[in-house]
Amino acid sequence: MKLLAYVLIVVFLTGIVGAYCFWPSNKDQQPTALFSLLQYVAAFALILLTFLYVTATQDYLKATREQLADQNREPKITVITHHYPQTDPFIVNFEIEIANPSVRATSVTIKSVQIGPHLAADSCFEINQARRSRATIPARELASVALKATFDSVPIELHTKQRTVLTFEDIFHGTLSPVIIDV
């Protein structure tokens, strides 16, 4: 872009110098030469203004993209606590908070719950004592929800901690970074 600006400046100055060097001595031709010079200057002024407009537009688009990227962040999910209400079938309840820093509402689903090598056979959100496959979080809001995971076998042993991986999927960002805790 800068090279193009330098080339335009050189062409403009060359035209001005050429008009000065070859200015007609005949008074009848001087008004025609003056109007031609003014047209030349106006054309280059329009070219310069177009160049400045395009440069400003590119800067604006770059700033807008950065701002939109900053405002469209993926939700943050935090596990507050967990407990085991029953063991046959084995169920783990996780109390989680989902923070949506984005400027638009989002919808989160549970992709998988894994304790050690065991995957949950079924998992869902419990919102207002109703089972839901999705949790919808309004823009710039925080939602506290329960996550209920049912396992076919007991995936934990007494007095040991098991690595637990909770994987969620967001409607806009796809699979989110896994939430890893010890149960």
N, C-alpha and C. Protein backbone atom coordinates (compact mmCIF):
# COMPACT_ATOMS: atom_id res chain seq x y z
N MET A 1 0.83 -1.19 0.00
CA MET A 1 0.00 0.00 0.00
C MET A 1 0.87 1.26 0.00
N LYS A 2 1.94 1.24 0.80
CA LYS A 2 2.80 2.41 0.85
C LYS A 2 3.51 2.62 -0.49
N LEU A 3 3.89 1.51 -1.12
CA LEU A 3 4.54 1.61 -2.42
C LEU A 3 3.60 2.27 -3.43
N LEU A 4 2.34 1.90 -3.41
CA LEU A 4 1.36 2.50 -4.29
C LEU A 4 1.23 4.00 -4.02
N ALA A 5 1.24 4.39 -2.76
CA ALA A 5 1.16 5.81 -2.41
C ALA A 5 2.38 6.56 -2.94
N TYR A 6 3.57 5.98 -2.81
CA TYR A 6 4.78 6.64 -3.32
C TYR A 6 4.73 6.77 -4.84
N VAL A 7 4.25 5.75 -5.52
CA VAL A 7 4.15 5.80 -6.98
C VAL A 7 3.17 6.91 -7.40
N LEU A 8 2.04 7.01 -6.71
CA LEU A 8 1.07 8.07 -7.04
C LEU A 8 1.65 9.46 -6.80
N ILE A 9 2.41 9.62 -5.74
CA ILE A 9 3.04 10.92 -5.46
C ILE A 9 4.05 11.27 -6.55
N VAL A 10 4.85 10.30 -6.98
CA VAL A 10 5.83 10.55 -8.03
C VAL A 10 5.13 10.91 -9.34
N VAL A 11 4.08 10.19 -9.70
CA VAL A 11 3.34 10.50 -10.93
C VAL A 11 2.72 11.89 -10.84
N PHE A 12 2.16 12.24 -9.69
CA PHE A 12 1.57 13.57 -9.50
C PHE A 12 2.61 14.67 -9.66
N LEU A 13 3.74 14.50 -8.99
CA LEU A 13 4.79 15.52 -9.08
C LEU A 13 5.35 15.62 -10.49
N THR A 14 5.46 14.49 -11.18
CA THR A 14 5.93 14.49 -12.57
C THR A 14 4.97 15.28 -13.44
N GLY A 15 3.68 15.12 -13.25
CA GLY A 15 2.68 15.87 -14.01
C GLY A 15 2.76 17.36 -13.74
N ILE A 16 2.96 17.76 -12.47
CA ILE A 16 3.07 19.18 -12.13
C ILE A 16 4.33 19.78 -12.76
N VAL A 17 5.45 19.06 -12.64
CA VAL A 17 6.71 19.54 -13.23
C VAL A 17 6.58 19.63 -14.75
N GLY A 18 5.95 18.65 -15.37
CA GLY A 18 5.73 18.67 -16.82
C GLY A 18 4.88 19.85 -17.24
N ALA A 19 3.82 20.15 -16.48
CA ALA A 19 2.96 21.30 -16.79
C ALA A 19 3.74 22.60 -16.65
N TYR A 20 4.61 22.70 -15.67
CA TYR A 20 5.42 23.90 -15.47
C TYR A 20 6.43 24.07 -16.61
N CYS A 21 7.08 22.97 -16.99
CA CYS A 21 8.11 23.04 -18.04
C CYS A 21 7.49 23.31 -19.42
N PHE A 22 6.33 22.78 -19.68
CA PHE A 22 5.73 22.91 -21.01
C PHE A 22 4.52 23.86 -21.02
N TRP A 23 4.50 24.81 -20.11
CA TRP A 23 3.39 25.76 -20.05
C TRP A 23 3.37 26.56 -21.35
N PRO A 24 2.20 26.67 -22.00
CA PRO A 24 2.16 27.37 -23.29
C PRO A 24 2.38 28.88 -23.14
N SER A 25 3.11 29.46 -24.09
CA SER A 25 3.36 30.90 -24.07
C SER A 25 2.21 31.66 -24.74
N ASN A 26 1.45 30.98 -25.57
CA ASN A 26 0.32 31.58 -26.23
C ASN A 26 -0.80 31.78 -25.22
N LYS A 27 -1.29 33.04 -25.10
CA LYS A 27 -2.31 33.36 -24.10
C LYS A 27 -3.65 32.68 -24.39
N ASP A 28 -3.91 32.32 -25.62
CA ASP A 28 -5.16 31.64 -25.95
C ASP A 28 -5.17 30.19 -25.45
N GLN A 29 -4.01 29.59 -25.34
CA GLN A 29 -3.91 28.19 -24.91
C GLN A 29 -3.75 28.06 -23.38
N GLN A 30 -3.41 29.15 -22.69
CA GLN A 30 -3.19 29.09 -21.25
C GLN A 30 -4.45 28.71 -20.46
N PRO A 31 -5.65 29.24 -20.77
CA PRO A 31 -6.84 28.79 -20.01
C PRO A 31 -7.12 27.30 -20.21
N THR A 32 -6.92 26.79 -21.40
CA THR A 32 -7.12 25.37 -21.65
C THR A 32 -6.11 24.55 -20.86
N ALA A 33 -4.86 24.99 -20.81
CA ALA A 33 -3.81 24.30 -20.05
C ALA A 33 -4.11 24.37 -18.55
N LEU A 34 -4.63 25.55 -18.10
CA LEU A 34 -4.96 25.70 -16.67
C LEU A 34 -6.08 24.72 -16.28
N PHE A 35 -7.13 24.63 -17.10
CA PHE A 35 -8.22 23.70 -16.78
C PHE A 35 -7.76 22.25 -16.87
N SER A 36 -6.88 21.95 -17.78
CA SER A 36 -6.33 20.59 -17.85
C SER A 36 -5.52 20.28 -16.60
N LEU A 37 -4.74 21.25 -16.13
CA LEU A 37 -3.95 21.06 -14.91
C LEU A 37 -4.89 20.89 -13.70
N LEU A 38 -5.96 21.68 -13.64
CA LEU A 38 -6.91 21.54 -12.54
C LEU A 38 -7.61 20.18 -12.58
N GLN A 39 -7.93 19.68 -13.76
CA GLN A 39 -8.53 18.34 -13.87
C GLN A 39 -7.54 17.27 -13.40
N TYR A 40 -6.29 17.47 -13.76
CA TYR A 40 -5.23 16.53 -13.34
C TYR A 40 -5.11 16.51 -11.81
N VAL A 41 -5.09 17.70 -11.20
CA VAL A 41 -4.98 17.80 -9.73
C VAL A 41 -6.23 17.18 -9.08
N ALA A 42 -7.41 17.46 -9.64
CA ALA A 42 -8.64 16.91 -9.06
C ALA A 42 -8.67 15.39 -9.16
N ALA A 43 -8.23 14.87 -10.29
CA ALA A 43 -8.20 13.41 -10.45
C ALA A 43 -7.27 12.77 -9.42
N PHE A 44 -6.11 13.37 -9.23
CA PHE A 44 -5.20 12.80 -8.24
C PHE A 44 -5.69 13.01 -6.81
N ALA A 45 -6.41 14.11 -6.57
CA ALA A 45 -7.01 14.30 -5.24
C ALA A 45 -8.03 13.21 -4.97
N LEU A 46 -8.83 12.86 -5.97
CA LEU A 46 -9.81 11.78 -5.79
C LEU A 46 -9.12 10.43 -5.58
N ILE A 47 -8.04 10.20 -6.32
CA ILE A 47 -7.29 8.96 -6.14
C ILE A 47 -6.71 8.89 -4.73
N LEU A 48 -6.16 10.02 -4.24
CA LEU A 48 -5.60 10.06 -2.89
C LEU A 48 -6.68 9.84 -1.84
N LEU A 49 -7.84 10.49 -2.00
CA LEU A 49 -8.93 10.31 -1.05
C LEU A 49 -9.43 8.86 -1.05
N THR A 50 -9.50 8.25 -2.21
CA THR A 50 -9.91 6.84 -2.30
C THR A 50 -8.90 5.96 -1.58
N PHE A 51 -7.63 6.23 -1.78
CA PHE A 51 -6.58 5.47 -1.11
C PHE A 51 -6.71 5.60 0.41
N LEU A 52 -6.92 6.83 0.89
CA LEU A 52 -7.08 7.05 2.34
C LEU A 52 -8.34 6.36 2.87
N TYR A 53 -9.41 6.39 2.09
CA TYR A 53 -10.66 5.74 2.49
C TYR A 53 -10.47 4.22 2.60
N VAL A 54 -9.81 3.63 1.61
CA VAL A 54 -9.58 2.19 1.64
C VAL A 54 -8.70 1.81 2.83
N THR A 55 -7.67 2.59 3.10
CA THR A 55 -6.79 2.32 4.25
C THR A 55 -7.57 2.40 5.56
N ALA A 56 -8.39 3.44 5.71
CA ALA A 56 -9.18 3.59 6.93
C ALA A 56 -10.19 2.45 7.08
N THR A 57 -10.79 2.03 5.97
CA THR A 57 -11.75 0.93 6.01
C THR A 57 -11.07 -0.38 6.41
N GLN A 58 -9.88 -0.63 5.91
CA GLN A 58 -9.15 -1.85 6.30
C GLN A 58 -8.81 -1.83 7.78
N ASP A 59 -8.40 -0.68 8.31
CA ASP A 59 -8.12 -0.57 9.74
C ASP A 59 -9.38 -0.80 10.57
N TYR A 60 -10.50 -0.25 10.11
CA TYR A 60 -11.76 -0.42 10.81
C TYR A 60 -12.20 -1.88 10.82
N LEU A 61 -12.07 -2.56 9.67
CA LEU A 61 -12.44 -3.97 9.61
C LEU A 61 -11.58 -4.82 10.53
N LYS A 62 -10.29 -4.51 10.58
CA LYS A 62 -9.40 -5.26 11.47
C LYS A 62 -9.82 -5.07 12.92
N ALA A 63 -10.09 -3.83 13.31
CA ALA A 63 -10.51 -3.55 14.69
C ALA A 63 -11.85 -4.21 15.00
N THR A 64 -12.76 -4.23 14.04
CA THR A 64 -14.08 -4.84 14.23
C THR A 64 -13.95 -6.35 14.41
N ARG A 65 -13.10 -6.98 13.60
CA ARG A 65 -12.90 -8.43 13.74
C ARG A 65 -12.32 -8.77 15.10
N GLU A 66 -11.35 -7.97 15.56
CA GLU A 66 -10.76 -8.22 16.89
C GLU A 66 -11.80 -8.04 17.98
N GLN A 67 -12.64 -7.03 17.85
CA GLN A 67 -13.67 -6.79 18.85
C GLN A 67 -14.70 -7.91 18.87
N LEU A 68 -15.12 -8.37 17.70
CA LEU A 68 -16.08 -9.47 17.64
C LEU A 68 -15.48 -10.76 18.19
N ALA A 69 -14.21 -11.01 17.88
CA ALA A 69 -13.55 -12.21 18.41
C ALA A 69 -13.49 -12.15 19.94
N ASP A 70 -13.24 -10.97 20.48
CA ASP A 70 -13.17 -10.81 21.93
C ASP A 70 -14.55 -10.97 22.56
N GLN A 71 -15.59 -10.56 21.88
CA GLN A 71 -16.94 -10.63 22.44
C GLN A 71 -17.61 -11.98 22.20
N ASN A 72 -17.01 -12.81 21.41
CA ASN A 72 -17.61 -14.11 21.09
C ASN A 72 -16.74 -15.23 21.65
N ARG A 73 -16.54 -15.20 22.96
CA ARG A 73 -15.69 -16.20 23.61
C ARG A 73 -16.53 -17.40 24.06
N GLU A 74 -15.86 -18.52 24.18
CA GLU A 74 -16.57 -19.73 24.58
C GLU A 74 -16.89 -19.68 26.07
N PRO A 75 -17.94 -20.39 26.48
CA PRO A 75 -18.33 -20.40 27.90
C PRO A 75 -17.27 -21.07 28.78
N LYS A 76 -17.22 -20.61 30.03
CA LYS A 76 -16.33 -21.23 31.01
C LYS A 76 -17.18 -22.07 31.96
N ILE A 77 -16.74 -23.30 32.17
CA ILE A 77 -17.51 -24.23 33.00
C ILE A 77 -16.67 -24.62 34.20
N THR A 78 -17.27 -24.50 35.38
CA THR A 78 -16.57 -24.80 36.63
C THR A 78 -17.42 -25.77 37.45
N VAL A 79 -16.78 -26.82 37.97
CA VAL A 79 -17.47 -27.76 38.85
C VAL A 79 -17.34 -27.24 40.28
N ILE A 80 -18.48 -27.01 40.92
CA ILE A 80 -18.50 -26.49 42.28
C ILE A 80 -18.35 -27.64 43.28
N THR A 81 -19.20 -28.67 43.12
CA THR A 81 -19.16 -29.81 44.04
C THR A 81 -19.75 -31.03 43.33
N HIS A 82 -19.61 -32.18 43.97
CA HIS A 82 -20.21 -33.40 43.44
C HIS A 82 -20.61 -34.30 44.61
N HIS A 83 -21.57 -35.15 44.39
CA HIS A 83 -21.96 -36.14 45.40
C HIS A 83 -22.61 -37.34 44.71
N TYR A 84 -22.76 -38.44 45.49
CA TYR A 84 -23.30 -39.69 44.96
C TYR A 84 -24.61 -40.00 45.68
N PRO A 85 -25.76 -39.66 45.07
CA PRO A 85 -27.03 -39.90 45.77
C PRO A 85 -27.44 -41.36 45.82
N GLN A 86 -26.97 -42.17 44.88
CA GLN A 86 -27.30 -43.60 44.93
C GLN A 86 -26.23 -44.39 44.19
N THR A 87 -26.18 -45.70 44.53
CA THR A 87 -25.14 -46.54 43.94
C THR A 87 -25.70 -47.65 43.06
N ASP A 88 -27.01 -47.79 42.98
CA ASP A 88 -27.55 -48.84 42.11
C ASP A 88 -28.73 -48.29 41.33
N PRO A 89 -28.60 -47.83 40.15
CA PRO A 89 -27.36 -47.63 39.39
C PRO A 89 -26.54 -46.50 40.00
N PHE A 90 -25.27 -46.52 39.68
CA PHE A 90 -24.35 -45.53 40.25
C PHE A 90 -24.58 -44.18 39.57
N ILE A 91 -24.88 -43.17 40.35
CA ILE A 91 -25.16 -41.83 39.83
C ILE A 91 -24.25 -40.82 40.52
N VAL A 92 -23.70 -39.92 39.73
CA VAL A 92 -22.91 -38.80 40.27
C VAL A 92 -23.62 -37.52 39.88
N ASN A 93 -23.85 -36.66 40.87
CA ASN A 93 -24.43 -35.34 40.62
C ASN A 93 -23.31 -34.31 40.75
N PHE A 94 -23.14 -33.50 39.73
CA PHE A 94 -22.17 -32.42 39.75
C PHE A 94 -22.93 -31.10 39.77
N GLU A 95 -22.57 -30.23 40.68
CA GLU A 95 -23.10 -28.87 40.67
C GLU A 95 -22.08 -28.05 39.88
N ILE A 96 -22.53 -27.48 38.76
CA ILE A 96 -21.61 -26.73 37.91
C ILE A 96 -22.14 -25.33 37.66
N GLU A 97 -21.20 -24.44 37.35
CA GLU A 97 -21.53 -23.08 36.94
C GLU A 97 -21.03 -22.90 35.51
N ILE A 98 -21.89 -22.34 34.69
CA ILE A 98 -21.52 -22.07 33.30
C ILE A 98 -21.59 -20.56 33.11
N ALA A 99 -20.43 -19.95 32.84
CA ALA A 99 -20.35 -18.51 32.61
C ALA A 99 -20.28 -18.26 31.11
N ASN A 100 -21.14 -17.40 30.62
CA ASN A 100 -21.16 -17.06 29.20
C ASN A 100 -20.65 -15.63 29.02
N PRO A 101 -19.37 -15.45 28.64
CA PRO A 101 -18.84 -14.09 28.47
C PRO A 101 -19.18 -13.47 27.12
N SER A 102 -19.87 -14.21 26.28
CA SER A 102 -20.18 -13.75 24.92
C SER A 102 -21.31 -12.73 24.93
N VAL A 103 -21.45 -12.02 23.81
CA VAL A 103 -22.52 -11.02 23.69
C VAL A 103 -23.81 -11.62 23.17
N ARG A 104 -23.86 -12.93 23.02
CA ARG A 104 -25.09 -13.58 22.59
C ARG A 104 -25.31 -14.81 23.45
N ALA A 105 -26.56 -15.21 23.56
CA ALA A 105 -26.89 -16.39 24.35
C ALA A 105 -26.28 -17.63 23.69
N THR A 106 -26.01 -18.63 24.52
CA THR A 106 -25.43 -19.86 23.99
C THR A 106 -26.16 -21.05 24.59
N SER A 107 -25.95 -22.19 23.99
CA SER A 107 -26.56 -23.43 24.45
C SER A 107 -25.48 -24.49 24.56
N VAL A 108 -25.39 -25.13 25.72
CA VAL A 108 -24.34 -26.10 26.01
C VAL A 108 -24.97 -27.47 26.21
N THR A 109 -24.35 -28.50 25.62
CA THR A 109 -24.77 -29.88 25.83
C THR A 109 -23.62 -30.66 26.46
N ILE A 110 -23.97 -31.80 27.04
CA ILE A 110 -22.96 -32.68 27.62
C ILE A 110 -22.55 -33.67 26.54
N LYS A 111 -21.27 -33.70 26.24
CA LYS A 111 -20.80 -34.65 25.23
C LYS A 111 -20.45 -35.98 25.89
N SER A 112 -19.71 -35.92 27.03
CA SER A 112 -19.38 -37.16 27.74
C SER A 112 -18.95 -36.84 29.17
N VAL A 113 -19.13 -37.85 30.03
CA VAL A 113 -18.64 -37.83 31.42
C VAL A 113 -17.85 -39.11 31.60
N GLN A 114 -16.61 -38.95 32.01
CA GLN A 114 -15.74 -40.13 32.15
C GLN A 114 -15.04 -40.06 33.49
N ILE A 115 -15.20 -41.13 34.29
CA ILE A 115 -14.48 -41.27 35.56
C ILE A 115 -13.50 -42.40 35.36
N GLY A 116 -12.21 -42.08 35.40
CA GLY A 116 -11.19 -43.09 35.10
C GLY A 116 -11.44 -43.62 33.70
N PRO A 117 -11.49 -44.95 33.52
CA PRO A 117 -11.74 -45.49 32.18
C PRO A 117 -13.24 -45.68 31.87
N HIS A 118 -14.11 -45.37 32.82
CA HIS A 118 -15.55 -45.62 32.66
C HIS A 118 -16.29 -44.41 32.12
N LEU A 119 -17.01 -44.62 31.02
CA LEU A 119 -17.87 -43.58 30.46
C LEU A 119 -19.28 -43.70 31.02
N ALA A 120 -19.91 -42.55 31.23
CA ALA A 120 -21.29 -42.55 31.72
C ALA A 120 -22.21 -43.09 30.64
N ALA A 121 -23.16 -43.92 31.07
CA ALA A 121 -24.14 -44.47 30.13
C ALA A 121 -25.17 -43.41 29.75
N ASP A 122 -25.45 -42.51 30.68
CA ASP A 122 -26.44 -41.45 30.43
C ASP A 122 -26.02 -40.23 31.22
N SER A 123 -26.24 -39.08 30.64
CA SER A 123 -25.96 -37.83 31.36
C SER A 123 -26.93 -36.76 30.88
N CYS A 124 -27.30 -35.88 31.81
CA CYS A 124 -28.23 -34.80 31.48
C CYS A 124 -28.07 -33.67 32.48
N PHE A 125 -28.62 -32.52 32.11
CA PHE A 125 -28.69 -31.40 33.03
C PHE A 125 -30.01 -31.50 33.78
N GLU A 126 -29.99 -31.07 35.04
CA GLU A 126 -31.23 -30.93 35.80
C GLU A 126 -31.39 -29.45 36.10
N ILE A 127 -32.41 -28.85 35.47
CA ILE A 127 -32.67 -27.43 35.65
C ILE A 127 -34.10 -27.30 36.15
N ASN A 128 -34.26 -26.72 37.32
CA ASN A 128 -35.58 -26.59 37.95
C ASN A 128 -36.27 -27.96 38.06
N GLN A 129 -35.54 -28.95 38.48
CA GLN A 129 -36.00 -30.32 38.68
C GLN A 129 -36.55 -30.98 37.41
N ALA A 130 -36.12 -30.50 36.28
CA ALA A 130 -36.51 -31.11 35.00
C ALA A 130 -35.23 -31.54 34.26
N ARG A 131 -35.30 -32.73 33.65
CA ARG A 131 -34.15 -33.23 32.89
C ARG A 131 -34.10 -32.53 31.54
N ARG A 132 -32.91 -32.05 31.19
CA ARG A 132 -32.72 -31.36 29.91
C ARG A 132 -31.40 -31.82 29.28
N SER A 133 -31.41 -31.88 27.96
CA SER A 133 -30.18 -32.25 27.26
C SER A 133 -29.31 -31.02 27.01
N ARG A 134 -29.91 -29.83 27.09
CA ARG A 134 -29.18 -28.57 26.86
C ARG A 134 -29.42 -27.60 28.01
N ALA A 135 -28.40 -26.79 28.24
CA ALA A 135 -28.54 -25.67 29.17
C ALA A 135 -28.31 -24.40 28.35
N THR A 136 -29.30 -23.51 28.36
CA THR A 136 -29.18 -22.25 27.63
C THR A 136 -28.80 -21.15 28.60
N ILE A 137 -27.73 -20.43 28.26
CA ILE A 137 -27.21 -19.38 29.12
C ILE A 137 -27.32 -18.06 28.37
N PRO A 138 -28.04 -17.08 28.93
CA PRO A 138 -28.15 -15.78 28.27
C PRO A 138 -26.79 -15.09 28.14
N ALA A 139 -26.73 -14.07 27.31
CA ALA A 139 -25.50 -13.32 27.09
C ALA A 139 -25.00 -12.70 28.38
N ARG A 140 -23.71 -12.85 28.62
CA ARG A 140 -23.02 -12.26 29.78
C ARG A 140 -23.68 -12.64 31.11
N GLU A 141 -24.11 -13.90 31.20
CA GLU A 141 -24.77 -14.39 32.41
C GLU A 141 -24.02 -15.59 32.96
N LEU A 142 -24.38 -15.95 34.19
CA LEU A 142 -23.83 -17.11 34.88
C LEU A 142 -25.00 -17.99 35.27
N ALA A 143 -24.93 -19.28 34.95
CA ALA A 143 -26.00 -20.21 35.28
C ALA A 143 -25.45 -21.33 36.16
N SER A 144 -26.16 -21.63 37.23
CA SER A 144 -25.82 -22.76 38.09
C SER A 144 -26.77 -23.89 37.76
N VAL A 145 -26.23 -25.02 37.34
CA VAL A 145 -27.05 -26.16 36.96
C VAL A 145 -26.48 -27.43 37.57
N ALA A 146 -27.30 -28.46 37.61
CA ALA A 146 -26.86 -29.77 38.08
C ALA A 146 -26.64 -30.66 36.87
N LEU A 147 -25.58 -31.43 36.94
CA LEU A 147 -25.28 -32.41 35.89
C LEU A 147 -25.39 -33.77 36.53
N LYS A 148 -26.22 -34.62 35.96
CA LYS A 148 -26.46 -35.96 36.50
C LYS A 148 -25.89 -36.98 35.53
N ALA A 149 -24.96 -37.80 36.02
CA ALA A 149 -24.34 -38.83 35.18
C ALA A 149 -24.61 -40.19 35.79
N THR A 150 -25.12 -41.12 34.97
CA THR A 150 -25.45 -42.48 35.40
C THR A 150 -24.45 -43.44 34.77
N PHE A 151 -23.89 -44.32 35.62
CA PHE A 151 -22.89 -45.29 35.16
C PHE A 151 -23.45 -46.71 35.32
N ASP A 152 -23.03 -47.62 34.43
CA ASP A 152 -23.45 -49.02 34.51
C ASP A 152 -22.77 -49.75 35.66
N SER A 153 -21.55 -49.36 35.98
CA SER A 153 -20.81 -49.98 37.09
C SER A 153 -20.30 -48.88 37.99
N VAL A 154 -19.78 -49.24 39.13
CA VAL A 154 -19.24 -48.25 40.08
C VAL A 154 -17.82 -47.90 39.64
N PRO A 155 -17.59 -46.66 39.17
CA PRO A 155 -16.29 -46.31 38.62
C PRO A 155 -15.27 -45.82 39.64
N ILE A 156 -15.62 -45.81 40.92
CA ILE A 156 -14.68 -45.31 41.92
C ILE A 156 -14.40 -46.37 42.97
N GLU A 157 -13.30 -46.20 43.65
CA GLU A 157 -12.94 -47.08 44.76
C GLU A 157 -12.87 -46.22 46.01
N LEU A 158 -13.12 -46.86 47.16
CA LEU A 158 -13.08 -46.12 48.42
C LEU A 158 -11.68 -45.57 48.68
N HIS A 159 -11.63 -44.34 49.19
CA HIS A 159 -10.40 -43.68 49.61
C HIS A 159 -9.40 -43.45 48.47
N THR A 160 -9.85 -43.42 47.26
CA THR A 160 -8.97 -43.09 46.13
C THR A 160 -9.63 -42.00 45.29
N LYS A 161 -8.80 -41.21 44.65
CA LYS A 161 -9.29 -40.17 43.76
C LYS A 161 -9.18 -40.66 42.33
N GLN A 162 -10.23 -40.45 41.57
CA GLN A 162 -10.24 -40.82 40.16
C GLN A 162 -10.29 -39.54 39.32
N ARG A 163 -9.53 -39.57 38.25
CA ARG A 163 -9.55 -38.44 37.32
C ARG A 163 -10.88 -38.47 36.56
N THR A 164 -11.59 -37.35 36.60
CA THR A 164 -12.89 -37.24 35.95
C THR A 164 -12.81 -36.18 34.86
N VAL A 165 -13.28 -36.53 33.68
CA VAL A 165 -13.25 -35.62 32.54
C VAL A 165 -14.68 -35.37 32.09
N LEU A 166 -15.08 -34.11 32.15
CA LEU A 166 -16.39 -33.69 31.67
C LEU A 166 -16.18 -32.94 30.35
N THR A 167 -16.82 -33.41 29.30
CA THR A 167 -16.68 -32.77 28.00
C THR A 167 -18.02 -32.20 27.58
N PHE A 168 -17.99 -30.92 27.20
CA PHE A 168 -19.20 -30.21 26.81
C PHE A 168 -19.07 -29.73 25.37
N GLU A 169 -20.21 -29.44 24.78
CA GLU A 169 -20.24 -28.92 23.42
C GLU A 169 -21.12 -27.67 23.41
N ASP A 170 -20.59 -26.62 22.80
CA ASP A 170 -21.29 -25.35 22.69
C ASP A 170 -21.85 -25.22 21.28
N ILE A 171 -23.00 -24.61 21.15
CA ILE A 171 -23.64 -24.51 19.84
C ILE A 171 -22.83 -23.69 18.85
N PHE A 172 -22.02 -22.72 19.32
CA PHE A 172 -21.25 -21.86 18.43
C PHE A 172 -19.79 -22.29 18.31
N HIS A 173 -19.21 -22.83 19.37
CA HIS A 173 -17.78 -23.12 19.39
C HIS A 173 -17.45 -24.60 19.25
N GLY A 174 -18.46 -25.46 19.17
CA GLY A 174 -18.19 -26.89 19.06
C GLY A 174 -17.76 -27.46 20.40
N THR A 175 -16.90 -28.47 20.35
CA THR A 175 -16.43 -29.13 21.58
C THR A 175 -15.54 -28.17 22.37
N LEU A 176 -15.87 -28.00 23.64
CA LEU A 176 -15.11 -27.09 24.50
C LEU A 176 -13.94 -27.84 25.15
N SER A 177 -13.04 -27.09 25.74
CA SER A 177 -11.93 -27.71 26.47
C SER A 177 -12.52 -28.55 27.61
N PRO A 178 -12.00 -29.75 27.82
CA PRO A 178 -12.58 -30.61 28.87
C PRO A 178 -12.33 -30.04 30.26
N VAL A 179 -13.30 -30.28 31.13
CA VAL A 179 -13.19 -29.91 32.54
C VAL A 179 -12.69 -31.14 33.27
N ILE A 180 -11.53 -31.03 33.92
CA ILE A 180 -10.91 -32.17 34.58
C ILE A 180 -10.89 -31.92 36.07
N ILE A 181 -11.44 -32.89 36.83
CA ILE A 181 -11.43 -32.81 38.30
C ILE A 181 -11.11 -34.18 38.85
N ASP A 182 -10.82 -34.23 40.14
CA ASP A 182 -10.62 -35.50 40.83
C ASP A 182 -11.85 -35.81 41.67
N VAL A 183 -12.39 -37.04 41.48
CA VAL A 183 -13.59 -37.46 42.23
C VAL A 183 -13.18 -38.57 43.18
